[in-house]
Amino acid sequence: MSRAELWSNGPVRRDVSAHLALTVNGPTTLLFSTAVSATGVSVDERLDLRVDGQLVDPTTFTDHYGSRLHQASCTASRVEFDYAATVCGQAATARAEAIDLVTFLRPSRYCESDALAPTAHAEFGGLEGHELLSAVAAWVHDRLAYVSGASLPTDGAVRTLLARQGVCRDFAHLTIALLRARDVPARLASVYAPGLGPMDFHAVCEAWVDDAWQVVDATWLAPRQSLLRIATGRDAADTAFLTNNGGAIVLDELAVIAVADELPDDDWTSPAQLR
């Protein structure tokens, strides 16, 4: 069996983990988004949240798309958050409701599709379906340099295009904005990415084509078939791995691991879905 057949037909195992250590400088509420999405896949997982060494049981929320969030409040303190999961097999393909196809066509905080509409029509006019997805991914890949730390947390798709550089979320935001400008519903997914280098949380675009959410990743850094969904939303405002509301925090440590029993081949042009 080829590696492509393994991932399309057979069970696969992925092991993922995330470690965050924070210094909290005042009363705040922390929201962590690192858990594997609740999409029906078999998950064996462990979560450990400690505040000044004491184990804390966070409040858990699950949103409409299966994103699971863990919330905890604390004062000035040292916070350590550890999550680990083993996932065997593949989840069912994600579906879309009518309201999703409206929501993910609109401009959003980081994906200014209205401002980029002239560029999208000039570059991709006449293209549809998978041909359009491949063309947008290749265009973004060729025009942006992947540079760690090159962008600001407030940068959107327009600024990314002007700067011609960014990280995965910037590539995803520009891809999403261009596709929405061509009337294709598109959204952002945060993922664990076996094969990614350097290892970190990853972000990709999903576009609704042929009645399915197709993965579009213009970074070409990790095989799309191995990705494991964490959170889903309009853009990075909905999918950040850490959010704080209140006192200032300092992220002292961040370590992400994602491995698969075997990495699939990816030609970056064939259809692929998050499973």
Protein backbone atom coordinates (compact mmCIF):
# COMPACT_ATOMS: atom_id res chain seq x y z
CA MET A 1 0.00 0.00 0.00
CA SER A 2 1.35 3.43 -0.96
CA ARG A 3 1.53 6.28 1.51
CA ALA A 4 -1.30 8.05 -0.31
CA GLU A 5 -3.50 4.93 -0.04
CA LEU A 6 -2.62 4.57 3.65
CA TRP A 7 -4.03 8.00 4.41
CA SER A 8 -7.09 7.74 2.18
CA ASN A 9 -8.17 4.23 3.19
CA GLY A 10 -6.47 2.99 6.33
CA PRO A 11 -6.33 3.87 10.03
CA VAL A 12 -3.58 6.25 11.04
CA ARG A 13 -2.14 7.31 14.37
CA ARG A 14 -1.11 10.83 15.27
CA ASP A 15 0.47 11.88 18.58
CA VAL A 16 0.35 15.57 19.50
CA SER A 17 1.20 17.70 22.52
CA ALA A 18 1.48 21.33 23.58
CA HIS A 19 3.26 22.90 26.56
CA LEU A 20 2.77 26.54 27.56
CA ALA A 21 4.33 28.31 30.56
CA LEU A 22 3.17 31.83 31.42
CA THR A 23 3.94 34.58 33.87
CA VAL A 24 0.71 36.36 34.80
CA ASN A 25 1.16 39.87 36.16
CA GLY A 26 -2.36 40.57 37.45
CA PRO A 27 -5.91 39.22 37.63
CA THR A 28 -6.85 37.77 34.25
CA THR A 29 -8.89 35.10 32.50
CA LEU A 30 -6.97 32.74 30.24
CA LEU A 31 -8.49 30.85 27.34
CA PHE A 32 -6.52 27.96 25.81
CA SER A 33 -7.31 26.49 22.39
CA THR A 34 -4.98 23.52 22.01
CA ALA A 35 -7.27 20.48 22.30
CA VAL A 36 -8.06 18.33 19.29
CA SER A 37 -11.42 19.31 17.83
CA ALA A 38 -14.45 17.28 18.90
CA THR A 39 -15.28 15.94 15.43
CA GLY A 40 -15.98 12.29 16.21
CA VAL A 41 -12.43 10.95 15.90
CA SER A 42 -11.15 8.56 18.61
CA VAL A 43 -8.97 10.57 21.00
CA ASP A 44 -6.99 9.48 24.07
CA GLU A 45 -5.95 12.72 25.74
CA ARG A 46 -4.58 14.32 28.89
CA LEU A 47 -4.81 17.93 30.07
CA ASP A 48 -2.91 19.40 33.01
CA LEU A 49 -3.30 23.02 34.15
CA ARG A 50 -1.32 24.25 37.13
CA VAL A 51 -1.33 27.68 38.78
CA ASP A 52 1.68 28.16 41.06
CA GLY A 53 2.10 24.40 41.06
CA GLN A 54 -1.47 23.66 42.12
CA LEU A 55 -3.68 21.60 39.81
CA VAL A 56 -6.67 23.58 38.49
CA ASP A 57 -9.75 22.22 36.73
CA PRO A 58 -10.56 24.58 33.83
CA THR A 59 -14.00 25.31 32.45
CA THR A 60 -14.51 23.69 29.05
CA PHE A 61 -16.50 25.10 26.14
CA THR A 62 -17.23 23.54 22.74
CA ASP A 63 -18.32 25.76 19.86
CA HIS A 64 -20.46 25.13 16.79
CA TYR A 65 -17.49 23.76 14.81
CA GLY A 66 -16.20 21.38 17.50
CA SER A 67 -13.44 23.70 18.75
CA ARG A 68 -12.82 23.01 22.45
CA LEU A 69 -11.70 25.86 24.69
CA HIS A 70 -10.36 25.65 28.26
CA GLN A 71 -10.80 28.68 30.50
CA ALA A 72 -9.31 29.56 33.88
CA SER A 73 -9.05 32.72 35.97
CA CYS A 74 -6.02 33.59 38.09
CA THR A 75 -4.14 36.45 39.71
CA ALA A 76 -0.41 37.22 39.53
CA SER A 77 1.09 33.76 39.24
CA ARG A 78 3.01 31.16 37.28
CA VAL A 79 0.78 29.13 34.94
CA GLU A 80 1.71 25.88 33.20
CA PHE A 81 -0.59 24.24 30.68
CA ASP A 82 0.08 20.81 29.17
CA TYR A 83 -2.04 18.96 26.65
CA ALA A 84 -1.33 15.64 24.95
CA ALA A 85 -3.43 13.42 22.71
CA THR A 86 -3.19 10.26 20.67
CA VAL A 87 -5.60 10.12 17.76
CA CYS A 88 -6.22 6.86 15.95
CA GLY A 89 -8.11 6.85 12.68
CA GLN A 90 -9.69 9.74 10.83
CA ALA A 91 -12.70 11.92 11.55
CA ALA A 92 -15.68 12.27 9.27
CA THR A 93 -15.36 15.08 6.77
CA ALA A 94 -16.69 18.40 8.03
CA ARG A 95 -20.02 19.64 6.70
CA ALA A 96 -21.42 23.14 6.26
CA GLU A 97 -24.74 24.71 7.15
CA ALA A 98 -26.27 27.46 5.05
CA ILE A 99 -25.28 30.13 7.59
CA ASP A 100 -21.64 28.97 7.40
CA LEU A 101 -21.53 29.62 3.68
CA VAL A 102 -22.77 33.15 4.35
CA THR A 103 -20.45 33.82 7.29
CA PHE A 104 -17.31 32.63 5.52
CA LEU A 105 -17.96 34.75 2.44
CA ARG A 106 -17.90 38.01 4.40
CA PRO A 107 -14.80 40.14 5.02
CA SER A 108 -13.43 39.66 8.54
CA ARG A 109 -10.90 41.20 10.93
CA TYR A 110 -7.80 39.73 9.26
CA CYS A 111 -9.20 38.81 5.84
CA GLU A 112 -10.14 42.01 4.01
CA SER A 113 -11.64 40.36 0.94
CA ASP A 114 -13.45 43.56 -0.06
CA ALA A 115 -10.17 45.48 -0.29
CA LEU A 116 -8.51 42.65 -2.25
CA ALA A 117 -11.38 42.09 -4.70
CA PRO A 118 -9.69 43.95 -7.61
CA THR A 119 -6.51 41.89 -7.14
CA ALA A 120 -8.43 38.62 -6.95
CA HIS A 121 -10.45 39.32 -10.10
CA ALA A 122 -7.39 40.50 -12.03
CA GLU A 123 -5.28 37.48 -11.09
CA PHE A 124 -7.88 34.69 -10.95
CA GLY A 125 -10.78 35.81 -13.15
CA GLY A 126 -12.34 32.88 -15.01
CA LEU A 127 -10.96 30.20 -12.67
CA GLU A 128 -13.28 28.01 -10.61
CA GLY A 129 -13.25 24.98 -8.33
CA HIS A 130 -10.01 23.15 -7.62
CA GLU A 131 -8.24 25.01 -10.41
CA LEU A 132 -8.92 28.25 -8.53
CA LEU A 133 -7.72 26.80 -5.21
CA SER A 134 -4.46 25.57 -6.73
CA ALA A 135 -3.87 28.87 -8.53
CA VAL A 136 -4.43 30.98 -5.39
CA ALA A 137 -2.20 28.70 -3.28
CA ALA A 138 0.62 28.85 -5.84
CA TRP A 139 0.26 32.63 -6.23
CA VAL A 140 0.46 33.26 -2.49
CA HIS A 141 3.32 30.77 -2.11
CA ASP A 142 5.34 32.50 -4.84
CA ARG A 143 4.78 36.03 -3.52
CA LEU A 144 5.30 35.59 0.20
CA ALA A 145 8.46 34.58 2.03
CA TYR A 146 7.97 32.52 5.17
CA VAL A 147 9.85 34.47 7.84
CA SER A 148 9.38 33.67 11.52
CA GLY A 149 8.59 36.76 13.56
CA ALA A 150 8.18 38.92 10.44
CA SER A 151 4.60 39.97 11.09
CA LEU A 152 2.65 41.61 13.89
CA PRO A 153 -0.37 40.02 15.62
CA THR A 154 -2.46 42.84 14.16
CA ASP A 155 -1.42 42.29 10.52
CA GLY A 156 -4.18 41.34 8.10
CA ALA A 157 -4.15 40.05 4.53
CA VAL A 158 -3.62 43.48 2.94
CA ARG A 159 -0.59 44.31 5.05
CA THR A 160 0.79 40.80 4.48
CA LEU A 161 0.58 41.26 0.71
CA LEU A 162 2.34 44.61 0.95
CA ALA A 163 5.07 43.22 3.21
CA ARG A 164 5.54 40.10 1.03
CA GLN A 165 6.39 37.99 4.07
CA GLY A 166 4.80 36.39 7.10
CA VAL A 167 4.09 33.16 8.97
CA CYS A 168 1.45 30.49 8.45
CA ARG A 169 -1.48 32.55 9.68
CA ASP A 170 -0.49 35.35 7.26
CA PHE A 171 -0.37 32.92 4.34
CA ALA A 172 -3.77 31.57 5.39
CA HIS A 173 -5.33 35.03 5.81
CA LEU A 174 -4.24 36.16 2.35
CA THR A 175 -5.46 32.90 0.79
CA ILE A 176 -8.83 33.20 2.54
CA ALA A 177 -9.28 36.85 1.53
CA LEU A 178 -8.52 36.15 -2.14
CA LEU A 179 -10.92 33.19 -2.26
CA ARG A 180 -13.73 35.10 -0.57
CA ALA A 181 -13.18 37.87 -3.09
CA ARG A 182 -13.83 35.25 -5.79
CA ASP A 183 -17.09 34.24 -4.04
CA VAL A 184 -15.72 31.05 -2.49
CA PRO A 185 -16.56 30.56 1.21
CA ALA A 186 -13.25 30.22 3.07
CA ARG A 187 -12.28 29.89 6.72
CA LEU A 188 -9.23 29.37 8.93
CA ALA A 189 -8.36 26.20 10.81
CA SER A 190 -5.67 25.96 13.46
CA VAL A 191 -4.06 22.53 13.35
CA TYR A 192 -1.39 20.19 14.60
CA ALA A 193 0.86 19.49 11.62
CA PRO A 194 3.01 16.33 11.58
CA GLY A 195 5.98 16.95 9.32
CA LEU A 196 6.04 20.71 9.93
CA GLY A 197 9.43 22.31 10.39
CA PRO A 198 10.14 24.13 12.59
CA MET A 199 7.43 22.55 14.72
CA ASP A 200 4.70 24.87 16.02
CA PHE A 201 0.96 25.34 15.87
CA HIS A 202 -0.05 25.72 12.22
CA ALA A 203 -2.85 27.54 10.38
CA VAL A 204 -4.42 26.70 7.03
CA CYS A 205 -7.32 27.81 4.86
CA GLU A 206 -10.36 25.65 4.18
CA ALA A 207 -12.45 26.49 1.10
CA TRP A 208 -15.93 25.18 0.27
CA VAL A 209 -15.63 23.54 -3.17
CA ASP A 210 -17.53 20.53 -4.53
CA ASP A 211 -19.67 20.37 -1.35
CA ALA A 212 -16.67 19.85 0.93
CA TRP A 213 -14.15 21.88 2.93
CA GLN A 214 -10.91 21.56 0.95
CA VAL A 215 -7.59 22.36 2.64
CA VAL A 216 -5.53 25.08 0.96
CA ASP A 217 -2.08 25.64 2.48
CA ALA A 218 0.12 28.07 0.56
CA THR A 219 3.11 27.48 2.86
CA TRP A 220 3.62 23.94 1.49
CA LEU A 221 5.35 23.08 4.79
CA ALA A 222 3.45 19.97 5.95
CA PRO A 223 1.36 17.37 4.12
CA ARG A 224 -2.28 18.42 4.29
CA GLN A 225 -3.54 14.87 4.76
CA SER A 226 -1.78 14.54 8.13
CA LEU A 227 -3.17 17.75 9.67
CA LEU A 228 -5.28 17.47 12.81
CA ARG A 229 -7.92 20.12 13.48
CA ILE A 230 -7.82 22.20 16.68
CA ALA A 231 -10.14 25.17 16.05
CA THR A 232 -12.14 26.67 13.20
CA GLY A 233 -13.26 30.24 12.56
CA ARG A 234 -13.36 33.32 10.35
CA ASP A 235 -9.67 34.08 10.94
CA ALA A 236 -7.05 34.10 13.71
CA ALA A 237 -9.35 36.17 15.94
CA ASP A 238 -11.45 33.00 16.37
CA THR A 239 -8.66 30.43 16.59
CA ALA A 240 -5.80 31.82 18.74
CA PHE A 241 -4.13 29.13 20.85
CA LEU A 242 -4.04 31.55 23.84
CA THR A 243 -6.22 34.52 24.74
CA ASN A 244 -6.08 36.59 27.92
CA ASN A 245 -8.59 39.13 29.19
CA GLY A 246 -7.32 41.20 32.08
CA GLY A 247 -3.76 41.53 33.39
CA ALA A 248 -0.66 41.37 31.25
CA ILE A 249 0.97 38.00 30.59
CA VAL A 250 4.35 36.83 29.30
CA LEU A 251 4.61 33.61 27.32
CA ASP A 252 7.82 32.10 28.72
CA GLU A 253 7.71 28.68 27.09
CA LEU A 254 5.94 27.17 24.09
CA ALA A 255 6.60 23.67 22.79
CA VAL A 256 4.48 21.82 20.24
CA ILE A 257 4.94 18.25 19.03
CA ALA A 258 3.00 16.51 16.25
CA VAL A 259 4.01 13.17 14.75
CA ALA A 260 2.28 10.56 12.59
CA ASP A 261 2.96 6.87 12.13
CA GLU A 262 3.74 7.66 8.50
CA LEU A 263 3.68 10.91 6.54
CA PRO A 264 1.67 10.93 3.31
CA ASP A 265 2.80 12.33 -0.01
CA ASP A 266 1.23 15.65 -1.00
CA ASP A 267 1.45 17.21 -4.46
CA TRP A 268 -0.36 20.38 -3.21
CA THR A 269 -2.80 20.29 -6.15
CA SER A 270 -5.01 17.28 -5.39
CA PRO A 271 -8.07 17.75 -3.14
CA ALA A 272 -7.38 17.21 0.59
CA GLN A 273 -9.58 17.50 3.67
CA LEU A 274 -8.96 17.73 7.39
CA ARG A 275 -9.63 14.28 8.86
